[in-house]
Amino acid sequence: MSSHDTGSESRTASAAGPVDGGAGPTTSAAAEVFKAVAHPVRAQILELLSHRESSIPELCEGTGVKATHLARHLTQLRGQQLIQRIWSGGRLVYRLAYPEAAGLLVAAQAVLQARTASADGALRAAPEELPDPALLDEQLSMLESLLASRSVIAEARTAIAARSRCTPEEAAAQLFRTARSRGVTLLQAARDELGNGQEQRQT
């Protein structure tokens, strides 16, 4: 393509630019531009061309895509006037149609960085939401105490059931009656029951 062709391509790009009375591209037109970049290979092409103009072999090397596949992506980018094809130094090369085209990648990278920073902030804030260590220790102690109490009561109930040859439910009822009649806690009644049992075995 000659420099004349390049000029006409630039004019075409300008003519297809702002619409809606100069208020900028419409939402649908902007969506089409984003769609043109919405592929890893096309994003790579823009990235490469944001640094320098490149030939087909150079773009193939930079993207790792074969020339036959690369052509389709180049066509889509040219269709949205994001890149141009020109002759330079006796070879056919591609370059950005506008320097602003590289801003699409810059904007995307800025969004990704902001998203990463937000996720990191959430992770750093997570430890602050944990309960106070002292309160956590207290809760764990209470839980251990409760489990130990249940174990003692269960053991006493089993001992009563074995001695009285009754069901575990009847043994539990008997333990409740003992605690109530003596005015002690169920745990204390269970401990006394187990203590009495040990004294009887020793005698």
N, C-alpha and C. Protein backbone atom coordinates (compact mmCIF):
# COMPACT_ATOMS: atom_id res chain seq x y z
N MET A 1 0.86 -1.20 0.00
CA MET A 1 0.00 0.00 0.00
C MET A 1 0.88 1.23 0.00
N SER A 2 0.57 2.25 -0.73
CA SER A 2 1.36 3.46 -0.83
C SER A 2 1.04 4.40 0.30
N SER A 3 1.86 5.47 0.41
CA SER A 3 1.60 6.49 1.42
C SER A 3 0.26 7.16 1.17
N HIS A 4 -0.13 7.22 -0.14
CA HIS A 4 -1.44 7.79 -0.45
C HIS A 4 -2.56 6.93 0.15
N ASP A 5 -2.36 5.60 0.06
CA ASP A 5 -3.36 4.70 0.65
C ASP A 5 -3.42 4.88 2.15
N THR A 6 -2.25 5.09 2.74
CA THR A 6 -2.21 5.30 4.19
C THR A 6 -2.99 6.53 4.58
N GLY A 7 -2.82 7.58 3.81
CA GLY A 7 -3.54 8.81 4.10
C GLY A 7 -5.03 8.64 3.99
N SER A 8 -5.44 7.91 2.94
CA SER A 8 -6.88 7.71 2.78
C SER A 8 -7.43 6.85 3.89
N GLU A 9 -6.61 5.89 4.37
CA GLU A 9 -7.07 5.04 5.47
C GLU A 9 -7.25 5.87 6.73
N SER A 10 -6.32 6.82 6.95
CA SER A 10 -6.42 7.69 8.12
C SER A 10 -7.67 8.55 8.04
N ARG A 11 -7.95 9.04 6.80
CA ARG A 11 -9.14 9.88 6.66
C ARG A 11 -10.41 9.07 6.90
N THR A 12 -10.38 7.81 6.44
CA THR A 12 -11.54 6.95 6.68
C THR A 12 -11.75 6.74 8.16
N ALA A 13 -10.63 6.55 8.87
CA ALA A 13 -10.72 6.35 10.31
C ALA A 13 -11.29 7.58 10.99
N SER A 14 -10.85 8.77 10.51
CA SER A 14 -11.36 9.99 11.12
C SER A 14 -12.85 10.15 10.85
N ALA A 15 -13.25 9.77 9.62
CA ALA A 15 -14.66 9.93 9.27
C ALA A 15 -15.53 8.99 10.07
N ALA A 16 -14.97 7.85 10.45
CA ALA A 16 -15.76 6.87 11.20
C ALA A 16 -15.65 7.10 12.70
N GLY A 17 -14.99 8.19 13.07
CA GLY A 17 -14.74 8.45 14.49
C GLY A 17 -15.96 8.94 15.23
N PRO A 18 -15.91 10.17 15.78
CA PRO A 18 -16.99 10.66 16.63
C PRO A 18 -18.32 10.72 15.90
N VAL A 19 -19.34 10.26 16.59
CA VAL A 19 -20.69 10.37 16.06
C VAL A 19 -21.55 11.03 17.12
N ASP A 20 -22.86 11.01 16.89
CA ASP A 20 -23.79 11.66 17.82
C ASP A 20 -23.45 13.13 18.00
N GLY A 21 -23.23 13.84 16.87
CA GLY A 21 -23.01 15.28 16.94
C GLY A 21 -21.71 15.65 17.61
N GLY A 22 -20.64 14.79 17.47
CA GLY A 22 -19.34 15.11 18.05
C GLY A 22 -19.24 14.79 19.52
N ALA A 23 -20.22 14.09 20.06
CA ALA A 23 -20.20 13.79 21.48
C ALA A 23 -19.37 12.56 21.80
N GLY A 24 -18.70 11.93 20.78
CA GLY A 24 -17.91 10.74 21.00
C GLY A 24 -18.65 9.52 20.52
N PRO A 25 -17.95 8.39 20.45
CA PRO A 25 -18.58 7.17 19.93
C PRO A 25 -19.75 6.74 20.79
N THR A 26 -20.73 6.13 20.15
CA THR A 26 -21.87 5.62 20.90
C THR A 26 -21.44 4.39 21.67
N THR A 27 -22.31 3.97 22.56
CA THR A 27 -21.99 2.80 23.36
C THR A 27 -21.81 1.57 22.50
N SER A 28 -22.65 1.40 21.50
CA SER A 28 -22.55 0.23 20.63
C SER A 28 -21.26 0.27 19.82
N ALA A 29 -20.86 1.45 19.36
CA ALA A 29 -19.62 1.57 18.60
C ALA A 29 -18.42 1.27 19.50
N ALA A 30 -18.48 1.75 20.75
CA ALA A 30 -17.41 1.46 21.69
C ALA A 30 -17.33 -0.03 21.98
N ALA A 31 -18.50 -0.67 22.06
CA ALA A 31 -18.53 -2.11 22.31
C ALA A 31 -17.85 -2.86 21.17
N GLU A 32 -18.04 -2.39 19.94
CA GLU A 32 -17.41 -3.04 18.79
C GLU A 32 -15.89 -2.91 18.86
N VAL A 33 -15.42 -1.76 19.35
CA VAL A 33 -13.97 -1.58 19.50
C VAL A 33 -13.42 -2.55 20.53
N PHE A 34 -14.12 -2.66 21.67
CA PHE A 34 -13.68 -3.59 22.71
C PHE A 34 -13.74 -5.04 22.20
N LYS A 35 -14.75 -5.33 21.39
CA LYS A 35 -14.89 -6.67 20.86
C LYS A 35 -13.70 -7.01 19.97
N ALA A 36 -13.20 -6.02 19.24
CA ALA A 36 -12.07 -6.24 18.35
C ALA A 36 -10.81 -6.61 19.12
N VAL A 37 -10.72 -6.14 20.35
CA VAL A 37 -9.53 -6.42 21.17
C VAL A 37 -9.75 -7.61 22.09
N ALA A 38 -10.99 -8.10 22.14
CA ALA A 38 -11.35 -9.13 23.11
C ALA A 38 -10.88 -10.52 22.70
N HIS A 39 -9.59 -10.64 22.45
CA HIS A 39 -8.98 -11.94 22.16
C HIS A 39 -7.50 -11.82 22.53
N PRO A 40 -6.94 -12.83 23.16
CA PRO A 40 -5.53 -12.74 23.59
C PRO A 40 -4.57 -12.42 22.46
N VAL A 41 -4.79 -13.00 21.27
CA VAL A 41 -3.88 -12.75 20.15
C VAL A 41 -3.98 -11.30 19.70
N ARG A 42 -5.20 -10.78 19.59
CA ARG A 42 -5.36 -9.39 19.15
C ARG A 42 -4.81 -8.42 20.20
N ALA A 43 -4.96 -8.76 21.46
CA ALA A 43 -4.38 -7.92 22.51
C ALA A 43 -2.86 -7.94 22.41
N GLN A 44 -2.29 -9.12 22.08
CA GLN A 44 -0.84 -9.21 21.90
C GLN A 44 -0.38 -8.37 20.71
N ILE A 45 -1.16 -8.41 19.64
CA ILE A 45 -0.80 -7.61 18.46
C ILE A 45 -0.74 -6.13 18.83
N LEU A 46 -1.75 -5.64 19.53
CA LEU A 46 -1.75 -4.23 19.94
C LEU A 46 -0.55 -3.93 20.83
N GLU A 47 -0.26 -4.87 21.73
CA GLU A 47 0.88 -4.67 22.63
C GLU A 47 2.18 -4.55 21.85
N LEU A 48 2.38 -5.44 20.88
CA LEU A 48 3.59 -5.41 20.06
C LEU A 48 3.68 -4.13 19.24
N LEU A 49 2.55 -3.75 18.63
CA LEU A 49 2.56 -2.55 17.78
C LEU A 49 2.63 -1.27 18.58
N SER A 50 2.31 -1.34 19.87
CA SER A 50 2.44 -0.13 20.70
C SER A 50 3.91 0.24 20.92
N HIS A 51 4.81 -0.75 20.66
CA HIS A 51 6.24 -0.49 20.82
C HIS A 51 6.91 -0.14 19.50
N ARG A 52 6.48 -0.82 18.42
CA ARG A 52 7.10 -0.55 17.11
C ARG A 52 6.23 -1.17 16.01
N GLU A 53 6.38 -0.67 14.81
CA GLU A 53 5.71 -1.29 13.69
C GLU A 53 6.36 -2.64 13.41
N SER A 54 5.56 -3.61 12.94
CA SER A 54 6.08 -4.97 12.77
C SER A 54 5.53 -5.59 11.50
N SER A 55 6.34 -6.49 10.94
CA SER A 55 5.92 -7.24 9.76
C SER A 55 5.16 -8.49 10.19
N ILE A 56 4.60 -9.19 9.23
CA ILE A 56 3.87 -10.42 9.52
C ILE A 56 4.78 -11.44 10.24
N PRO A 57 6.01 -11.70 9.72
CA PRO A 57 6.87 -12.66 10.42
C PRO A 57 7.18 -12.23 11.85
N GLU A 58 7.36 -10.94 12.06
CA GLU A 58 7.65 -10.46 13.42
C GLU A 58 6.44 -10.64 14.33
N LEU A 59 5.24 -10.39 13.81
CA LEU A 59 4.03 -10.58 14.61
C LEU A 59 3.78 -12.06 14.90
N CYS A 60 4.10 -12.91 13.91
CA CYS A 60 3.96 -14.36 14.15
C CYS A 60 4.89 -14.80 15.26
N GLU A 61 6.11 -14.29 15.24
CA GLU A 61 7.07 -14.65 16.28
C GLU A 61 6.64 -14.11 17.64
N GLY A 62 6.12 -12.90 17.64
CA GLY A 62 5.72 -12.28 18.90
C GLY A 62 4.49 -12.90 19.53
N THR A 63 3.57 -13.37 18.69
CA THR A 63 2.32 -13.94 19.20
C THR A 63 2.34 -15.46 19.27
N GLY A 64 3.26 -16.09 18.51
CA GLY A 64 3.28 -17.54 18.45
C GLY A 64 2.17 -18.12 17.61
N VAL A 65 1.59 -17.30 16.72
CA VAL A 65 0.48 -17.73 15.88
C VAL A 65 0.95 -17.80 14.43
N LYS A 66 0.46 -18.80 13.69
CA LYS A 66 0.80 -18.93 12.27
C LYS A 66 0.22 -17.78 11.47
N ALA A 67 0.86 -17.51 10.34
CA ALA A 67 0.45 -16.37 9.50
C ALA A 67 -1.00 -16.52 9.03
N THR A 68 -1.42 -17.74 8.72
CA THR A 68 -2.79 -17.94 8.24
C THR A 68 -3.82 -17.58 9.30
N HIS A 69 -3.51 -17.86 10.56
CA HIS A 69 -4.41 -17.52 11.65
C HIS A 69 -4.28 -16.04 12.03
N LEU A 70 -3.07 -15.53 11.90
CA LEU A 70 -2.83 -14.13 12.26
C LEU A 70 -3.61 -13.19 11.35
N ALA A 71 -3.77 -13.55 10.08
CA ALA A 71 -4.44 -12.68 9.12
C ALA A 71 -5.85 -12.34 9.56
N ARG A 72 -6.56 -13.31 10.12
CA ARG A 72 -7.94 -13.06 10.56
C ARG A 72 -7.98 -12.03 11.67
N HIS A 73 -7.04 -12.12 12.61
CA HIS A 73 -7.01 -11.17 13.71
C HIS A 73 -6.62 -9.77 13.23
N LEU A 74 -5.69 -9.72 12.29
CA LEU A 74 -5.30 -8.42 11.73
C LEU A 74 -6.46 -7.77 11.01
N THR A 75 -7.25 -8.58 10.31
CA THR A 75 -8.41 -8.06 9.59
C THR A 75 -9.41 -7.43 10.54
N GLN A 76 -9.65 -8.07 11.69
CA GLN A 76 -10.61 -7.54 12.66
C GLN A 76 -10.11 -6.23 13.26
N LEU A 77 -8.82 -6.16 13.53
CA LEU A 77 -8.27 -4.92 14.09
C LEU A 77 -8.30 -3.80 13.06
N ARG A 78 -8.04 -4.13 11.82
CA ARG A 78 -8.11 -3.12 10.76
C ARG A 78 -9.55 -2.69 10.54
N GLY A 79 -10.48 -3.62 10.70
CA GLY A 79 -11.89 -3.30 10.50
C GLY A 79 -12.38 -2.24 11.47
N GLN A 80 -11.78 -2.16 12.65
CA GLN A 80 -12.13 -1.12 13.62
C GLN A 80 -11.13 0.04 13.59
N GLN A 81 -10.31 0.07 12.52
CA GLN A 81 -9.32 1.14 12.33
C GLN A 81 -8.39 1.30 13.55
N LEU A 82 -8.05 0.18 14.17
CA LEU A 82 -7.11 0.23 15.29
C LEU A 82 -5.67 0.12 14.80
N ILE A 83 -5.48 -0.54 13.66
CA ILE A 83 -4.14 -0.68 13.09
C ILE A 83 -4.17 -0.34 11.61
N GLN A 84 -2.99 -0.08 11.06
CA GLN A 84 -2.84 0.23 9.64
C GLN A 84 -1.80 -0.69 9.02
N ARG A 85 -1.90 -0.91 7.72
CA ARG A 85 -0.92 -1.68 6.96
C ARG A 85 -0.24 -0.73 5.99
N ILE A 86 1.06 -0.61 6.07
CA ILE A 86 1.79 0.34 5.22
C ILE A 86 3.07 -0.32 4.69
N TRP A 87 3.65 0.32 3.65
CA TRP A 87 4.96 -0.08 3.17
C TRP A 87 5.99 0.81 3.82
N SER A 88 7.01 0.18 4.41
CA SER A 88 8.06 0.95 5.08
C SER A 88 9.38 0.24 4.86
N GLY A 89 10.33 0.97 4.25
CA GLY A 89 11.65 0.38 3.98
C GLY A 89 11.59 -0.81 3.05
N GLY A 90 10.66 -0.79 2.13
CA GLY A 90 10.55 -1.86 1.17
C GLY A 90 9.86 -3.11 1.69
N ARG A 91 9.22 -3.03 2.82
CA ARG A 91 8.51 -4.19 3.35
C ARG A 91 7.14 -3.76 3.89
N LEU A 92 6.23 -4.74 3.90
CA LEU A 92 4.88 -4.47 4.37
C LEU A 92 4.84 -4.65 5.88
N VAL A 93 4.42 -3.62 6.59
CA VAL A 93 4.40 -3.69 8.06
C VAL A 93 3.05 -3.17 8.57
N TYR A 94 2.80 -3.47 9.83
CA TYR A 94 1.60 -2.98 10.50
C TYR A 94 2.01 -2.04 11.62
N ARG A 95 1.13 -1.06 11.89
CA ARG A 95 1.37 -0.13 12.99
C ARG A 95 0.02 0.31 13.55
N LEU A 96 0.05 0.94 14.71
CA LEU A 96 -1.19 1.45 15.30
C LEU A 96 -1.73 2.58 14.44
N ALA A 97 -3.04 2.58 14.22
CA ALA A 97 -3.66 3.65 13.45
C ALA A 97 -3.63 4.95 14.25
N TYR A 98 -3.77 4.82 15.57
CA TYR A 98 -3.73 5.99 16.46
C TYR A 98 -2.92 5.59 17.71
N PRO A 99 -2.16 6.50 18.26
CA PRO A 99 -1.46 6.19 19.52
C PRO A 99 -2.45 5.82 20.63
N GLU A 100 -3.68 6.41 20.54
CA GLU A 100 -4.69 6.15 21.58
C GLU A 100 -5.12 4.68 21.64
N ALA A 101 -4.87 3.93 20.54
CA ALA A 101 -5.27 2.52 20.53
C ALA A 101 -4.56 1.75 21.63
N ALA A 102 -3.33 2.15 21.92
CA ALA A 102 -2.58 1.48 22.99
C ALA A 102 -3.23 1.73 24.34
N GLY A 103 -4.03 2.80 24.43
CA GLY A 103 -4.71 3.12 25.69
C GLY A 103 -5.72 2.07 26.11
N LEU A 104 -6.20 1.28 25.12
CA LEU A 104 -7.14 0.20 25.46
C LEU A 104 -6.47 -0.80 26.40
N LEU A 105 -5.23 -1.14 26.09
CA LEU A 105 -4.49 -2.09 26.92
C LEU A 105 -4.11 -1.46 28.26
N VAL A 106 -3.74 -0.19 28.21
CA VAL A 106 -3.39 0.52 29.45
C VAL A 106 -4.58 0.55 30.40
N ALA A 107 -5.77 0.82 29.84
CA ALA A 107 -6.98 0.86 30.67
C ALA A 107 -7.27 -0.51 31.26
N ALA A 108 -7.13 -1.55 30.44
CA ALA A 108 -7.39 -2.91 30.93
C ALA A 108 -6.41 -3.28 32.04
N GLN A 109 -5.14 -2.93 31.86
CA GLN A 109 -4.14 -3.23 32.88
C GLN A 109 -4.41 -2.47 34.17
N ALA A 110 -4.89 -1.23 34.05
CA ALA A 110 -5.22 -0.45 35.23
C ALA A 110 -6.37 -1.09 36.01
N VAL A 111 -7.37 -1.59 35.28
CA VAL A 111 -8.50 -2.27 35.93
C VAL A 111 -8.01 -3.53 36.64
N LEU A 112 -7.15 -4.30 35.97
CA LEU A 112 -6.63 -5.53 36.58
C LEU A 112 -5.82 -5.23 37.83
N GLN A 113 -5.01 -4.18 37.79
CA GLN A 113 -4.21 -3.81 38.95
C GLN A 113 -5.10 -3.38 40.10
N ALA A 114 -6.14 -2.61 39.78
CA ALA A 114 -7.07 -2.17 40.83
C ALA A 114 -7.80 -3.36 41.43
N ARG A 115 -8.17 -4.32 40.57
CA ARG A 115 -8.86 -5.51 41.06
C ARG A 115 -7.95 -6.34 41.96
N THR A 116 -6.68 -6.47 41.56
CA THR A 116 -5.72 -7.22 42.38
C THR A 116 -5.49 -6.53 43.71
N ALA A 117 -5.36 -5.20 43.67
CA ALA A 117 -5.14 -4.45 44.91
C ALA A 117 -6.33 -4.59 45.84
N SER A 118 -7.54 -4.59 45.28
CA SER A 118 -8.74 -4.74 46.09
C SER A 118 -8.78 -6.12 46.75
N ALA A 119 -8.41 -7.16 45.97
CA ALA A 119 -8.40 -8.53 46.52
C ALA A 119 -7.35 -8.65 47.61
N ASP A 120 -6.15 -8.04 47.39
CA ASP A 120 -5.10 -8.08 48.41
C ASP A 120 -5.55 -7.37 49.67
N GLY A 121 -6.26 -6.24 49.49
CA GLY A 121 -6.75 -5.51 50.66
C GLY A 121 -7.74 -6.32 51.46
N ALA A 122 -8.59 -7.07 50.75
CA ALA A 122 -9.57 -7.91 51.45
C ALA A 122 -8.87 -9.02 52.22
N LEU A 123 -7.80 -9.58 51.63
CA LEU A 123 -7.07 -10.65 52.32
C LEU A 123 -6.34 -10.11 53.54
N ARG A 124 -5.79 -8.90 53.41
CA ARG A 124 -5.09 -8.31 54.57
C ARG A 124 -6.07 -7.95 55.68
N ALA A 125 -7.31 -7.60 55.29
CA ALA A 125 -8.29 -7.21 56.30
C ALA A 125 -8.87 -8.41 57.02
N ALA A 126 -8.76 -9.60 56.40
CA ALA A 126 -9.37 -10.79 56.99
C ALA A 126 -8.89 -11.09 58.41
N PRO A 127 -7.55 -11.03 58.68
CA PRO A 127 -7.12 -11.33 60.05
C PRO A 127 -7.71 -10.41 61.10
N GLU A 128 -8.01 -9.15 60.71
CA GLU A 128 -8.59 -8.22 61.67
C GLU A 128 -9.99 -8.63 62.08
N GLU A 129 -10.65 -9.46 61.27
CA GLU A 129 -12.00 -9.88 61.58
C GLU A 129 -12.04 -11.10 62.49
N LEU A 130 -10.86 -11.70 62.76
CA LEU A 130 -10.81 -12.84 63.65
C LEU A 130 -11.08 -12.40 65.08
N PRO A 131 -11.65 -13.28 65.92
CA PRO A 131 -11.91 -12.90 67.31
C PRO A 131 -10.63 -12.63 68.06
N ASP A 132 -10.75 -11.87 69.15
CA ASP A 132 -9.61 -11.57 69.99
C ASP A 132 -9.01 -12.87 70.51
N PRO A 133 -7.67 -13.04 70.47
CA PRO A 133 -7.05 -14.28 70.92
C PRO A 133 -7.45 -14.68 72.34
N ALA A 134 -7.53 -13.69 73.24
CA ALA A 134 -7.90 -13.99 74.62
C ALA A 134 -9.33 -14.53 74.68
N LEU A 135 -10.23 -13.92 73.90
CA LEU A 135 -11.61 -14.38 73.87
C LEU A 135 -11.71 -15.77 73.27
N LEU A 136 -10.90 -16.02 72.23
CA LEU A 136 -10.88 -17.33 71.60
C LEU A 136 -10.41 -18.40 72.58
N ASP A 137 -9.37 -18.10 73.37
CA ASP A 137 -8.87 -19.04 74.37
C ASP A 137 -9.94 -19.33 75.41
N GLU A 138 -10.65 -18.29 75.82
CA GLU A 138 -11.70 -18.47 76.82
C GLU A 138 -12.82 -19.37 76.29
N GLN A 139 -13.19 -19.16 75.02
CA GLN A 139 -14.24 -19.97 74.42
C GLN A 139 -13.81 -21.42 74.29
N LEU A 140 -12.53 -21.62 73.92
CA LEU A 140 -12.02 -22.98 73.81
C LEU A 140 -11.99 -23.67 75.17
N SER A 141 -11.62 -22.92 76.22
CA SER A 141 -11.59 -23.49 77.57
C SER A 141 -12.99 -23.90 78.01
N MET A 142 -13.96 -23.04 77.70
CA MET A 142 -15.34 -23.36 78.05
C MET A 142 -15.81 -24.62 77.33
N LEU A 143 -15.42 -24.73 76.06
CA LEU A 143 -15.82 -25.90 75.29
C LEU A 143 -15.18 -27.16 75.85
N GLU A 144 -13.90 -27.08 76.18
CA GLU A 144 -13.21 -28.23 76.76
C GLU A 144 -13.84 -28.63 78.08
N SER A 145 -14.19 -27.63 78.90
CA SER A 145 -14.82 -27.91 80.18
C SER A 145 -16.17 -28.58 80.01
N LEU A 146 -16.92 -28.09 79.01
CA LEU A 146 -18.24 -28.67 78.75
C LEU A 146 -18.12 -30.13 78.29
N LEU A 147 -17.15 -30.38 77.41
CA LEU A 147 -16.95 -31.75 76.93
C LEU A 147 -16.50 -32.67 78.06
N ALA A 148 -15.64 -32.15 78.94
CA ALA A 148 -15.19 -32.95 80.08
C ALA A 148 -16.35 -33.26 81.02
N SER A 149 -17.22 -32.26 81.25
CA SER A 149 -18.38 -32.47 82.12
C SER A 149 -19.30 -33.52 81.53
N ARG A 150 -19.56 -33.46 80.24
CA ARG A 150 -20.43 -34.44 79.60
C ARG A 150 -19.84 -35.83 79.71
N SER A 151 -18.50 -35.91 79.61
CA SER A 151 -17.85 -37.21 79.70
C SER A 151 -18.02 -37.81 81.10
N VAL A 152 -17.86 -36.97 82.14
CA VAL A 152 -18.01 -37.44 83.52
C VAL A 152 -19.45 -37.90 83.78
N ILE A 153 -20.42 -37.10 83.32
CA ILE A 153 -21.84 -37.43 83.52
C ILE A 153 -22.19 -38.73 82.80
N ALA A 154 -21.69 -38.87 81.55
CA ALA A 154 -21.97 -40.09 80.78
C ALA A 154 -21.36 -41.30 81.48
N GLU A 155 -20.17 -41.14 82.02
CA GLU A 155 -19.51 -42.26 82.73
C GLU A 155 -20.29 -42.65 83.98
N ALA A 156 -20.79 -41.64 84.72
CA ALA A 156 -21.57 -41.91 85.93
C ALA A 156 -22.88 -42.61 85.57
N ARG A 157 -23.51 -42.17 84.50
CA ARG A 157 -24.76 -42.79 84.07
C ARG A 157 -24.54 -44.26 83.72
N THR A 158 -23.44 -44.54 83.04
CA THR A 158 -23.12 -45.93 82.69
C THR A 158 -22.89 -46.77 83.94
N ALA A 159 -22.22 -46.18 84.93
CA ALA A 159 -21.94 -46.90 86.17
C ALA A 159 -23.23 -47.22 86.92
N ILE A 160 -24.15 -46.24 86.97
CA ILE A 160 -25.43 -46.45 87.66
C ILE A 160 -26.22 -47.53 86.94
N ALA A 161 -26.25 -47.49 85.61
CA ALA A 161 -27.00 -48.48 84.83
C ALA A 161 -26.45 -49.89 85.06
N ALA A 162 -25.11 -49.99 85.16
CA ALA A 162 -24.50 -51.31 85.38
C ALA A 162 -24.80 -51.83 86.79
N ARG A 163 -24.73 -50.93 87.77
CA ARG A 163 -24.96 -51.33 89.15
C ARG A 163 -26.42 -51.67 89.41
N SER A 164 -27.31 -50.85 88.86
CA SER A 164 -28.74 -51.03 89.12
C SER A 164 -29.43 -51.91 88.09
N ARG A 165 -28.67 -52.33 87.06
CA ARG A 165 -29.23 -53.12 85.97
C ARG A 165 -30.48 -52.45 85.38
N CYS A 166 -30.32 -51.18 85.02
CA CYS A 166 -31.42 -50.41 84.40
C CYS A 166 -30.93 -49.82 83.08
N THR A 167 -31.85 -49.18 82.39
CA THR A 167 -31.49 -48.58 81.10
C THR A 167 -30.71 -47.28 81.33
N PRO A 168 -29.95 -46.81 80.34
CA PRO A 168 -29.23 -45.54 80.48
C PRO A 168 -30.17 -44.37 80.79
N GLU A 169 -31.38 -44.39 80.22
CA GLU A 169 -32.33 -43.31 80.49
C GLU A 169 -32.76 -43.32 81.95
N GLU A 170 -33.02 -44.52 82.49
CA GLU A 170 -33.39 -44.62 83.90
C GLU A 170 -32.24 -44.23 84.80
N ALA A 171 -31.01 -44.56 84.38
CA ALA A 171 -29.83 -44.18 85.17
C ALA A 171 -29.66 -42.66 85.17
N ALA A 172 -29.93 -42.03 84.04
CA ALA A 172 -29.83 -40.57 83.96
C ALA A 172 -30.87 -39.92 84.86
N ALA A 173 -32.09 -40.47 84.87
CA ALA A 173 -33.15 -39.92 85.73
C ALA A 173 -32.76 -40.06 87.20
N GLN A 174 -32.15 -41.17 87.53
CA GLN A 174 -31.72 -41.39 88.91
C GLN A 174 -30.64 -40.39 89.31
N LEU A 175 -29.73 -40.12 88.39
CA LEU A 175 -28.67 -39.15 88.66
C LEU A 175 -29.25 -37.75 88.85
N PHE A 176 -30.25 -37.39 88.06
CA PHE A 176 -30.93 -36.10 88.22
C PHE A 176 -31.58 -36.00 89.60
N ARG A 177 -32.26 -37.06 90.00
CA ARG A 177 -32.95 -37.04 91.30
C ARG A 177 -31.94 -36.90 92.44
N THR A 178 -30.81 -37.56 92.31
CA THR A 178 -29.77 -37.46 93.34
C THR A 178 -29.25 -36.04 93.45
N ALA A 179 -28.98 -35.42 92.29
CA ALA A 179 -28.47 -34.05 92.29
C ALA A 179 -29.48 -33.09 92.89
N ARG A 180 -30.78 -33.28 92.57
CA ARG A 180 -31.82 -32.40 93.08
C ARG A 180 -32.00 -32.57 94.58
N SER A 181 -32.00 -33.80 95.02
CA SER A 181 -32.23 -34.04 96.45
C SER A 181 -31.08 -33.54 97.30
N ARG A 182 -29.88 -33.58 96.77
CA ARG A 182 -28.71 -33.13 97.54
C ARG A 182 -28.40 -31.66 97.31
N GLY A 183 -29.08 -31.05 96.36
CA GLY A 183 -28.86 -29.62 96.09
C GLY A 183 -27.50 -29.33 95.48
N VAL A 184 -27.04 -30.24 94.62
CA VAL A 184 -25.74 -30.04 93.95
C VAL A 184 -25.96 -30.07 92.44
N THR A 185 -24.92 -29.74 91.72
CA THR A 185 -25.02 -29.77 90.25
C THR A 185 -24.99 -31.22 89.77
N LEU A 186 -25.43 -31.40 88.55
CA LEU A 186 -25.42 -32.73 87.96
C LEU A 186 -23.99 -33.26 87.85
N LEU A 187 -23.05 -32.35 87.53
CA LEU A 187 -21.65 -32.75 87.42
C LEU A 187 -21.11 -33.22 88.76
N GLN A 188 -21.46 -32.49 89.84
CA GLN A 188 -20.99 -32.88 91.17
C GLN A 188 -21.59 -34.23 91.59
N ALA A 189 -22.86 -34.42 91.27
CA ALA A 189 -23.50 -35.69 91.60
C ALA A 189 -22.83 -36.83 90.84
N ALA A 190 -22.46 -36.58 89.59
CA ALA A 190 -21.79 -37.60 88.79
C ALA A 190 -20.42 -37.93 89.37
N ARG A 191 -19.69 -36.90 89.78
CA ARG A 191 -18.37 -37.13 90.38
C ARG A 191 -18.48 -37.93 91.68
N ASP A 192 -19.49 -37.58 92.47
CA ASP A 192 -19.70 -38.31 93.73
C ASP A 192 -20.03 -39.77 93.45
N GLU A 193 -20.84 -39.98 92.42
CA GLU A 193 -21.21 -41.35 92.04
C GLU A 193 -19.99 -42.15 91.65
N LEU A 194 -19.14 -41.55 90.84
CA LEU A 194 -17.93 -42.25 90.41
C LEU A 194 -16.97 -42.46 91.57
N GLY A 195 -16.91 -41.44 92.47
CA GLY A 195 -16.04 -41.58 93.66
C GLY A 195 -16.52 -42.70 94.56
N ASN A 196 -17.83 -42.77 94.76
CA ASN A 196 -18.38 -43.83 95.59
C ASN A 196 -18.13 -45.20 94.99
N GLY A 197 -18.23 -45.27 93.69
CA GLY A 197 -17.99 -46.52 93.01
C GLY A 197 -16.57 -47.01 93.18
N GLN A 198 -15.60 -46.07 93.14
CA GLN A 198 -14.21 -46.44 93.32
C GLN A 198 -13.96 -46.91 94.75
N GLU A 199 -14.59 -46.23 95.75
CA GLU A 199 -14.41 -46.62 97.15
C GLU A 199 -14.98 -48.01 97.40
N GLN A 200 -16.12 -48.31 96.76
CA GLN A 200 -16.72 -49.62 96.93
C GLN A 200 -15.86 -50.71 96.35
N ARG A 201 -15.21 -50.40 95.19
CA ARG A 201 -14.33 -51.43 94.57
C ARG A 201 -13.09 -51.65 95.40
N GLN A 202 -12.60 -50.57 96.06
CA GLN A 202 -11.40 -50.70 96.87
C GLN A 202 -11.66 -51.49 98.16
N THR A 203 -12.87 -51.35 98.67
CA THR A 203 -13.21 -52.09 99.90
C THR A 203 -13.60 -53.52 99.54
